[in-house]
Amino acid sequence: GKSVILEIDVQGARKTKAIYPDALMIFVMPPAQKVLAERLNGRGRDDERAREKRLNGAGNEMAAAWQYYEYMVINDDLEKAINEVIGLIEQD
């Protein structure tokens, strides 16, 4: 079998899980809201208002993710997070 990786929000995860109940759901999240804010600021792509909107949305996503995802991976170190996701996929 092959694995399919989707980058979707919590609403997409809910719909995917309804159609594919055996799907492995992994939520990748920042170590803290403050770190996410720093990352968004560092990208320099959005203005202040857009960043605030993204931060608020991300907070809501993180709060709701526990309902639809089997695993939460904290992305505090990219290489470590990648290896953790790969490990979860391989054990499934």
PDB file of N, CA and C in Angstrom:
ATOM      1  N   GLY A   1       0.795  -1.173   0.000  1.00  0.00           N
ATOM      2  CA  GLY A   1       0.000   0.000   0.000  1.00  0.00           C
ATOM      3  C   GLY A   1       0.848   1.251   0.000  1.00  0.00           C
ATOM      4  N   LYS A   2       0.229   2.308  -0.367  1.00  0.00           N
ATOM      5  CA  LYS A   2       0.882   3.610  -0.401  1.00  0.00           C
ATOM      6  C   LYS A   2       0.195   4.537   0.587  1.00  0.00           C
ATOM      7  N   SER A   3       0.966   5.473   1.081  1.00  0.00           N
ATOM      8  CA  SER A   3       0.426   6.475   1.998  1.00  0.00           C
ATOM      9  C   SER A   3       0.131   7.751   1.232  1.00  0.00           C
ATOM     10  N   VAL A   4      -0.937   8.415   1.615  1.00  0.00           N
ATOM     11  CA  VAL A   4      -1.295   9.710   1.052  1.00  0.00           C
ATOM     12  C   VAL A   4      -1.206  10.715   2.181  1.00  0.00           C
ATOM     13  N   ILE A   5      -0.518  11.813   1.933  1.00  0.00           N
ATOM     14  CA  ILE A   5      -0.386  12.852   2.952  1.00  0.00           C
ATOM     15  C   ILE A   5      -1.186  14.065   2.500  1.00  0.00           C
ATOM     16  N   LEU A   6      -2.090  14.514   3.353  1.00  0.00           N
ATOM     17  CA  LEU A   6      -2.909  15.685   3.075  1.00  0.00           C
ATOM     18  C   LEU A   6      -2.581  16.772   4.083  1.00  0.00           C
ATOM     19  N   GLU A   7      -2.462  17.984   3.617  1.00  0.00           N
ATOM     20  CA  GLU A   7      -2.312  19.127   4.514  1.00  0.00           C
ATOM     21  C   GLU A   7      -3.674  19.798   4.583  1.00  0.00           C
ATOM     22  N   ILE A   8      -4.406  19.486   5.656  1.00  0.00           N
ATOM     23  CA  ILE A   8      -5.784  19.951   5.777  1.00  0.00           C
ATOM     24  C   ILE A   8      -6.027  20.524   7.167  1.00  0.00           C
ATOM     25  N   ASP A   9      -7.072  21.338   7.262  1.00  0.00           N
ATOM     26  CA  ASP A   9      -7.438  21.890   8.561  1.00  0.00           C
ATOM     27  C   ASP A   9      -8.316  20.883   9.307  1.00  0.00           C
ATOM     28  N   VAL A  10      -8.737  21.266  10.489  1.00  0.00           N
ATOM     29  CA  VAL A  10      -9.519  20.359  11.333  1.00  0.00           C
ATOM     30  C   VAL A  10     -10.838  19.988  10.665  1.00  0.00           C
ATOM     31  N   GLN A  11     -11.459  20.935   9.991  1.00  0.00           N
ATOM     32  CA  GLN A  11     -12.716  20.637   9.297  1.00  0.00           C
ATOM     33  C   GLN A  11     -12.482  19.585   8.207  1.00  0.00           C
ATOM     34  N   GLY A  12     -11.394  19.719   7.466  1.00  0.00           N
ATOM     35  CA  GLY A  12     -11.045  18.722   6.456  1.00  0.00           C
ATOM     36  C   GLY A  12     -10.750  17.372   7.078  1.00  0.00           C
ATOM     37  N   ALA A  13     -10.112  17.382   8.235  1.00  0.00           N
ATOM     38  CA  ALA A  13      -9.812  16.132   8.938  1.00  0.00           C
ATOM     39  C   ALA A  13     -11.100  15.435   9.364  1.00  0.00           C
ATOM     40  N   ARG A  14     -12.043  16.217   9.837  1.00  0.00           N
ATOM     41  CA  ARG A  14     -13.334  15.653  10.258  1.00  0.00           C
ATOM     42  C   ARG A  14     -14.023  14.975   9.073  1.00  0.00           C
ATOM     43  N   LYS A  15     -14.028  15.649   7.924  1.00  0.00           N
ATOM     44  CA  LYS A  15     -14.663  15.085   6.729  1.00  0.00           C
ATOM     45  C   LYS A  15     -13.908  13.855   6.226  1.00  0.00           C
ATOM     46  N   THR A  16     -12.583  13.928   6.239  1.00  0.00           N
ATOM     47  CA  THR A  16     -11.775  12.797   5.795  1.00  0.00           C
ATOM     48  C   THR A  16     -12.019  11.583   6.680  1.00  0.00           C
ATOM     49  N   LYS A  17     -12.065  11.800   7.985  1.00  0.00           N
ATOM     50  CA  LYS A  17     -12.275  10.701   8.934  1.00  0.00           C
ATOM     51  C   LYS A  17     -13.663  10.085   8.753  1.00  0.00           C
ATOM     52  N   ALA A  18     -14.651  10.908   8.388  1.00  0.00           N
ATOM     53  CA  ALA A  18     -15.997  10.384   8.162  1.00  0.00           C
ATOM     54  C   ALA A  18     -16.025   9.457   6.946  1.00  0.00           C
ATOM     55  N   ILE A  19     -15.248   9.783   5.923  1.00  0.00           N
ATOM     56  CA  ILE A  19     -15.211   8.971   4.707  1.00  0.00           C
ATOM     57  C   ILE A  19     -14.262   7.786   4.856  1.00  0.00           C
ATOM     58  N   TYR A  20     -13.122   8.033   5.512  1.00  0.00           N
ATOM     59  CA  TYR A  20     -12.090   7.005   5.696  1.00  0.00           C
ATOM     60  C   TYR A  20     -11.818   6.822   7.191  1.00  0.00           C
ATOM     61  N   PRO A  21     -12.674   6.090   7.882  1.00  0.00           N
ATOM     62  CA  PRO A  21     -12.534   5.979   9.338  1.00  0.00           C
ATOM     63  C   PRO A  21     -11.221   5.354   9.806  1.00  0.00           C
ATOM     64  N   ASP A  22     -10.557   4.592   8.949  1.00  0.00           N
ATOM     65  CA  ASP A  22      -9.281   3.981   9.329  1.00  0.00           C
ATOM     66  C   ASP A  22      -8.080   4.862   9.005  1.00  0.00           C
ATOM     67  N   ALA A  23      -8.328   6.056   8.494  1.00  0.00           N
ATOM     68  CA  ALA A  23      -7.224   6.956   8.141  1.00  0.00           C
ATOM     69  C   ALA A  23      -6.429   7.331   9.390  1.00  0.00           C
ATOM     70  N   LEU A  24      -5.124   7.368   9.246  1.00  0.00           N
ATOM     71  CA  LEU A  24      -4.240   7.795  10.333  1.00  0.00           C
ATOM     72  C   LEU A  24      -4.154   9.314  10.282  1.00  0.00           C
ATOM     73  N   MET A  25      -4.545   9.965  11.348  1.00  0.00           N
ATOM     74  CA  MET A  25      -4.562  11.424  11.383  1.00  0.00           C
ATOM     75  C   MET A  25      -3.472  11.916  12.336  1.00  0.00           C
ATOM     76  N   ILE A  26      -2.564  12.736  11.802  1.00  0.00           N
ATOM     77  CA  ILE A  26      -1.450  13.281  12.579  1.00  0.00           C
ATOM     78  C   ILE A  26      -1.519  14.801  12.483  1.00  0.00           C
ATOM     79  N   PHE A  27      -1.597  15.464  13.614  1.00  0.00           N
ATOM     80  CA  PHE A  27      -1.639  16.926  13.656  1.00  0.00           C
ATOM     81  C   PHE A  27      -0.252  17.431  14.028  1.00  0.00           C
ATOM     82  N   VAL A  28       0.343  18.218  13.146  1.00  0.00           N
ATOM     83  CA  VAL A  28       1.665  18.794  13.410  1.00  0.00           C
ATOM     84  C   VAL A  28       1.449  20.219  13.898  1.00  0.00           C
ATOM     85  N   MET A  29       2.000  20.510  15.076  1.00  0.00           N
ATOM     86  CA  MET A  29       1.742  21.805  15.703  1.00  0.00           C
ATOM     87  C   MET A  29       3.025  22.424  16.241  1.00  0.00           C
ATOM     88  N   PRO A  30       3.027  23.742  16.399  1.00  0.00           N
ATOM     89  CA  PRO A  30       4.195  24.399  16.991  1.00  0.00           C
ATOM     90  C   PRO A  30       4.256  24.099  18.483  1.00  0.00           C
ATOM     91  N   PRO A  31       5.426  24.280  19.094  1.00  0.00           N
ATOM     92  CA  PRO A  31       5.539  24.003  20.524  1.00  0.00           C
ATOM     93  C   PRO A  31       4.714  24.962  21.387  1.00  0.00           C
ATOM     94  N   ALA A  32       4.432  26.144  20.872  1.00  0.00           N
ATOM     95  CA  ALA A  32       3.650  27.131  21.624  1.00  0.00           C
ATOM     96  C   ALA A  32       3.105  28.179  20.656  1.00  0.00           C
ATOM     97  N   GLN A  33       2.040  28.833  21.063  1.00  0.00           N
ATOM     98  CA  GLN A  33       1.437  29.897  20.248  1.00  0.00           C
ATOM     99  C   GLN A  33       2.454  31.014  19.986  1.00  0.00           C
ATOM    100  N   LYS A  34       3.275  31.306  20.981  1.00  0.00           N
ATOM    101  CA  LYS A  34       4.289  32.351  20.834  1.00  0.00           C
ATOM    102  C   LYS A  34       5.284  31.996  19.728  1.00  0.00           C
ATOM    103  N   VAL A  35       5.670  30.736  19.656  1.00  0.00           N
ATOM    104  CA  VAL A  35       6.600  30.278  18.616  1.00  0.00           C
ATOM    105  C   VAL A  35       5.954  30.422  17.241  1.00  0.00           C
ATOM    106  N   LEU A  36       4.681  30.089  17.140  1.00  0.00           N
ATOM    107  CA  LEU A  36       3.976  30.254  15.871  1.00  0.00           C
ATOM    108  C   LEU A  36       3.967  31.722  15.463  1.00  0.00           C
ATOM    109  N   ALA A  37       3.708  32.613  16.412  1.00  0.00           N
ATOM    110  CA  ALA A  37       3.719  34.049  16.115  1.00  0.00           C
ATOM    111  C   ALA A  37       5.089  34.483  15.607  1.00  0.00           C
ATOM    112  N   GLU A  38       6.142  34.000  16.238  1.00  0.00           N
ATOM    113  CA  GLU A  38       7.500  34.338  15.802  1.00  0.00           C
ATOM    114  C   GLU A  38       7.775  33.811  14.399  1.00  0.00           C
ATOM    115  N   ARG A  39       7.325  32.611  14.120  1.00  0.00           N
ATOM    116  CA  ARG A  39       7.523  32.031  12.787  1.00  0.00           C
ATOM    117  C   ARG A  39       6.777  32.830  11.727  1.00  0.00           C
ATOM    118  N   LEU A  40       5.542  33.193  12.023  1.00  0.00           N
ATOM    119  CA  LEU A  40       4.767  33.982  11.062  1.00  0.00           C
ATOM    120  C   LEU A  40       5.396  35.351  10.842  1.00  0.00           C
ATOM    121  N   ASN A  41       5.852  35.983  11.916  1.00  0.00           N
ATOM    122  CA  ASN A  41       6.515  37.286  11.789  1.00  0.00           C
ATOM    123  C   ASN A  41       7.796  37.166  10.976  1.00  0.00           C
ATOM    124  N   GLY A  42       8.539  36.091  11.189  1.00  0.00           N
ATOM    125  CA  GLY A  42       9.799  35.882  10.493  1.00  0.00           C
ATOM    126  C   GLY A  42       9.644  35.670   8.999  1.00  0.00           C
ATOM    127  N   ARG A  43       8.503  35.176   8.585  1.00  0.00           N
ATOM    128  CA  ARG A  43       8.267  34.952   7.152  1.00  0.00           C
ATOM    129  C   ARG A  43       8.099  36.261   6.399  1.00  0.00           C
ATOM    130  N   GLY A  44       7.523  37.249   7.074  1.00  0.00           N
ATOM    131  CA  GLY A  44       7.354  38.563   6.470  1.00  0.00           C
ATOM    132  C   GLY A  44       6.377  38.602   5.304  1.00  0.00           C
ATOM    133  N   ARG A  45       5.491  37.635   5.210  1.00  0.00           N
ATOM    134  CA  ARG A  45       4.547  37.582   4.089  1.00  0.00           C
ATOM    135  C   ARG A  45       3.239  38.308   4.366  1.00  0.00           C
ATOM    136  N   ASP A  46       2.821  38.340   5.612  1.00  0.00           N
ATOM    137  CA  ASP A  46       1.511  38.889   5.947  1.00  0.00           C
ATOM    138  C   ASP A  46       1.647  40.184   6.739  1.00  0.00           C
ATOM    139  N   ASP A  47       0.629  41.039   6.615  1.00  0.00           N
ATOM    140  CA  ASP A  47       0.612  42.228   7.457  1.00  0.00           C
ATOM    141  C   ASP A  47       0.116  41.834   8.851  1.00  0.00           C
ATOM    142  N   GLU A  48       0.134  42.773   9.765  1.00  0.00           N
ATOM    143  CA  GLU A  48      -0.217  42.505  11.168  1.00  0.00           C
ATOM    144  C   GLU A  48      -1.616  41.904  11.304  1.00  0.00           C
ATOM    145  N   ARG A  49      -2.562  42.463  10.589  1.00  0.00           N
ATOM    146  CA  ARG A  49      -3.947  41.987  10.677  1.00  0.00           C
ATOM    147  C   ARG A  49      -4.066  40.532  10.192  1.00  0.00           C
ATOM    148  N   ALA A  50      -3.411  40.227   9.085  1.00  0.00           N
ATOM    149  CA  ALA A  50      -3.449  38.861   8.546  1.00  0.00           C
ATOM    150  C   ALA A  50      -2.773  37.881   9.508  1.00  0.00           C
ATOM    151  N   ARG A  51      -1.662  38.313  10.128  1.00  0.00           N
ATOM    152  CA  ARG A  51      -0.978  37.442  11.098  1.00  0.00           C
ATOM    153  C   ARG A  51      -1.875  37.152  12.294  1.00  0.00           C
ATOM    154  N   GLU A  52      -2.545  38.176  12.786  1.00  0.00           N
ATOM    155  CA  GLU A  52      -3.451  37.987  13.927  1.00  0.00           C
ATOM    156  C   GLU A  52      -4.582  37.020  13.574  1.00  0.00           C
ATOM    157  N   LYS A  53      -5.109  37.164  12.368  1.00  0.00           N
ATOM    158  CA  LYS A  53      -6.177  36.271  11.922  1.00  0.00           C
ATOM    159  C   LYS A  53      -5.669  34.829  11.849  1.00  0.00           C
ATOM    160  N   ARG A  54      -4.471  34.643  11.319  1.00  0.00           N
ATOM    161  CA  ARG A  54      -3.887  33.302  11.233  1.00  0.00           C
ATOM    162  C   ARG A  54      -3.617  32.731  12.620  1.00  0.00           C
ATOM    163  N   LEU A  55      -3.129  33.560  13.533  1.00  0.00           N
ATOM    164  CA  LEU A  55      -2.864  33.092  14.901  1.00  0.00           C
ATOM    165  C   LEU A  55      -4.147  32.663  15.602  1.00  0.00           C
ATOM    166  N   ASN A  56      -5.195  33.463  15.452  1.00  0.00           N
ATOM    167  CA  ASN A  56      -6.472  33.103  16.071  1.00  0.00           C
ATOM    168  C   ASN A  56      -7.010  31.803  15.487  1.00  0.00           C
ATOM    169  N   GLY A  57      -6.921  31.675  14.168  1.00  0.00           N
ATOM    170  CA  GLY A  57      -7.372  30.445  13.516  1.00  0.00           C
ATOM    171  C   GLY A  57      -6.570  29.244  13.973  1.00  0.00           C
ATOM    172  N   ALA A  58      -5.262  29.427  14.106  1.00  0.00           N
ATOM    173  CA  ALA A  58      -4.394  28.331  14.545  1.00  0.00           C
ATOM    174  C   ALA A  58      -4.733  27.912  15.972  1.00  0.00           C
ATOM    175  N   GLY A  59      -5.024  28.875  16.816  1.00  0.00           N
ATOM    176  CA  GLY A  59      -5.410  28.550  18.193  1.00  0.00           C
ATOM    177  C   GLY A  59      -6.677  27.715  18.230  1.00  0.00           C
ATOM    178  N   ASN A  60      -7.641  28.086  17.409  1.00  0.00           N
ATOM    179  CA  ASN A  60      -8.885  27.316  17.332  1.00  0.00           C
ATOM    180  C   ASN A  60      -8.632  25.911  16.785  1.00  0.00           C
ATOM    181  N   GLU A  61      -7.763  25.819  15.775  1.00  0.00           N
ATOM    182  CA  GLU A  61      -7.418  24.516  15.189  1.00  0.00           C
ATOM    183  C   GLU A  61      -6.775  23.606  16.241  1.00  0.00           C
ATOM    184  N   MET A  62      -5.810  24.151  16.975  1.00  0.00           N
ATOM    185  CA  MET A  62      -5.113  23.343  17.979  1.00  0.00           C
ATOM    186  C   MET A  62      -6.069  22.871  19.070  1.00  0.00           C
ATOM    187  N   ALA A  63      -7.006  23.726  19.447  1.00  0.00           N
ATOM    188  CA  ALA A  63      -7.964  23.351  20.486  1.00  0.00           C
ATOM    189  C   ALA A  63      -8.898  22.238  20.012  1.00  0.00           C
ATOM    190  N   ALA A  64      -9.257  22.251  18.736  1.00  0.00           N
ATOM    191  CA  ALA A  64     -10.194  21.265  18.200  1.00  0.00           C
ATOM    192  C   ALA A  64      -9.513  19.995  17.701  1.00  0.00           C
ATOM    193  N   ALA A  65      -8.223  20.051  17.461  1.00  0.00           N
ATOM    194  CA  ALA A  65      -7.510  18.927  16.840  1.00  0.00           C
ATOM    195  C   ALA A  65      -7.617  17.638  17.640  1.00  0.00           C
ATOM    196  N   TRP A  66      -7.680  17.731  18.944  1.00  0.00           N
ATOM    197  CA  TRP A  66      -7.713  16.533  19.791  1.00  0.00           C
ATOM    198  C   TRP A  66      -8.903  15.631  19.464  1.00  0.00           C
ATOM    199  N   GLN A  67      -9.948  16.202  18.887  1.00  0.00           N
ATOM    200  CA  GLN A  67     -11.147  15.422  18.585  1.00  0.00           C
ATOM    201  C   GLN A  67     -10.992  14.531  17.351  1.00  0.00           C
ATOM    202  N   TYR A  68     -10.106  14.907  16.436  1.00  0.00           N
ATOM    203  CA  TYR A  68     -10.072  14.245  15.131  1.00  0.00           C
ATOM    204  C   TYR A  68      -8.742  13.574  14.785  1.00  0.00           C
ATOM    205  N   TYR A  69      -7.712  13.852  15.535  1.00  0.00           N
ATOM    206  CA  TYR A  69      -6.383  13.324  15.218  1.00  0.00           C
ATOM    207  C   TYR A  69      -5.952  12.311  16.274  1.00  0.00           C
ATOM    208  N   GLU A  70      -5.350  11.210  15.818  1.00  0.00           N
ATOM    209  CA  GLU A  70      -4.862  10.196  16.756  1.00  0.00           C
ATOM    210  C   GLU A  70      -3.544  10.607  17.400  1.00  0.00           C
ATOM    211  N   TYR A  71      -2.756  11.373  16.669  1.00  0.00           N
ATOM    212  CA  TYR A  71      -1.428  11.754  17.152  1.00  0.00           C
ATOM    213  C   TYR A  71      -1.197  13.245  16.976  1.00  0.00           C
ATOM    214  N   MET A  72      -0.467  13.804  17.920  1.00  0.00           N
ATOM    215  CA  MET A  72      -0.038  15.199  17.854  1.00  0.00           C
ATOM    216  C   MET A  72       1.488  15.192  17.830  1.00  0.00           C
ATOM    217  N   VAL A  73       2.061  15.835  16.837  1.00  0.00           N
ATOM    218  CA  VAL A  73       3.514  15.943  16.731  1.00  0.00           C
ATOM    219  C   VAL A  73       3.875  17.405  16.934  1.00  0.00           C
ATOM    220  N   ILE A  74       4.738  17.656  17.899  1.00  0.00           N
ATOM    221  CA  ILE A  74       5.169  19.027  18.175  1.00  0.00           C
ATOM    222  C   ILE A  74       6.403  19.317  17.334  1.00  0.00           C
ATOM    223  N   ASN A  75       6.286  20.328  16.490  1.00  0.00           N
ATOM    224  CA  ASN A  75       7.356  20.687  15.573  1.00  0.00           C
ATOM    225  C   ASN A  75       8.270  21.736  16.212  1.00  0.00           C
ATOM    226  N   ASP A  76       9.059  21.293  17.188  1.00  0.00           N
ATOM    227  CA  ASP A  76      10.044  22.200  17.781  1.00  0.00           C
ATOM    228  C   ASP A  76      11.407  22.016  17.127  1.00  0.00           C
ATOM    229  N   ASP A  77      11.585  20.892  16.451  1.00  0.00           N
ATOM    230  CA  ASP A  77      12.805  20.604  15.691  1.00  0.00           C
ATOM    231  C   ASP A  77      12.353  19.886  14.422  1.00  0.00           C
ATOM    232  N   LEU A  78      12.595  20.491  13.265  1.00  0.00           N
ATOM    233  CA  LEU A  78      12.052  19.974  12.013  1.00  0.00           C
ATOM    234  C   LEU A  78      12.442  18.524  11.753  1.00  0.00           C
ATOM    235  N   GLU A  79      13.716  18.210  11.872  1.00  0.00           N
ATOM    236  CA  GLU A  79      14.185  16.849  11.595  1.00  0.00           C
ATOM    237  C   GLU A  79      13.530  15.834  12.532  1.00  0.00           C
ATOM    238  N   LYS A  80      13.422  16.200  13.797  1.00  0.00           N
ATOM    239  CA  LYS A  80      12.785  15.320  14.783  1.00  0.00           C
ATOM    240  C   LYS A  80      11.304  15.116  14.449  1.00  0.00           C
ATOM    241  N   ALA A  81      10.617  16.193  14.077  1.00  0.00           N
ATOM    242  CA  ALA A  81       9.193  16.102  13.738  1.00  0.00           C
ATOM    243  C   ALA A  81       8.984  15.228  12.504  1.00  0.00           C
ATOM    244  N   ILE A  82       9.838  15.397  11.498  1.00  0.00           N
ATOM    245  CA  ILE A  82       9.738  14.571  10.289  1.00  0.00           C
ATOM    246  C   ILE A  82       9.908  13.100  10.641  1.00  0.00           C
ATOM    247  N   ASN A  83      10.925  12.798  11.426  1.00  0.00           N
ATOM    248  CA  ASN A  83      11.175  11.405  11.813  1.00  0.00           C
ATOM    249  C   ASN A  83      10.022  10.822  12.627  1.00  0.00           C
ATOM    250  N   GLU A  84       9.426  11.646  13.473  1.00  0.00           N
ATOM    251  CA  GLU A  84       8.292  11.173  14.273  1.00  0.00           C
ATOM    252  C   GLU A  84       7.097  10.852  13.377  1.00  0.00           C
ATOM    253  N   VAL A  85       6.820  11.722  12.412  1.00  0.00           N
ATOM    254  CA  VAL A  85       5.711  11.479  11.485  1.00  0.00           C
ATOM    255  C   VAL A  85       5.973  10.215  10.668  1.00  0.00           C
ATOM    256  N   ILE A  86       7.184  10.075  10.150  1.00  0.00           N
ATOM    257  CA  ILE A  86       7.534   8.876   9.382  1.00  0.00           C
ATOM    258  C   ILE A  86       7.358   7.621  10.240  1.00  0.00           C
ATOM    259  N   GLY A  87       7.804   7.681  11.484  1.00  0.00           N
ATOM    260  CA  GLY A  87       7.654   6.541  12.387  1.00  0.00           C
ATOM    261  C   GLY A  87       6.199   6.169  12.616  1.00  0.00           C
ATOM    262  N   LEU A  88       5.340   7.164  12.781  1.00  0.00           N
ATOM    263  CA  LEU A  88       3.917   6.898  12.985  1.00  0.00           C
ATOM    264  C   LEU A  88       3.296   6.258  11.745  1.00  0.00           C
ATOM    265  N   ILE A  89       3.680   6.749  10.577  1.00  0.00           N
ATOM    266  CA  ILE A  89       3.152   6.181   9.334  1.00  0.00           C
ATOM    267  C   ILE A  89       3.625   4.741   9.169  1.00  0.00           C
ATOM    268  N   GLU A  90       4.898   4.503   9.446  1.00  0.00           N
ATOM    269  CA  GLU A  90       5.448   3.151   9.281  1.00  0.00           C
ATOM    270  C   GLU A  90       4.843   2.148  10.253  1.00  0.00           C
ATOM    271  N   GLN A  91       4.509   2.577  11.457  1.00  0.00           N
ATOM    272  CA  GLN A  91       3.935   1.638  12.426  1.00  0.00           C
ATOM    273  C   GLN A  91       2.466   1.370  12.155  1.00  0.00           C
ATOM    274  N   ASP A  92       1.834   2.242  11.376  1.00  0.00           N
ATOM    275  CA  ASP A  92       0.413   2.068  11.059  1.00  0.00           C
ATOM    276  C   ASP A  92       0.295   0.980  10.057  1.00  0.00           C
TER     277      ASP A  92
END
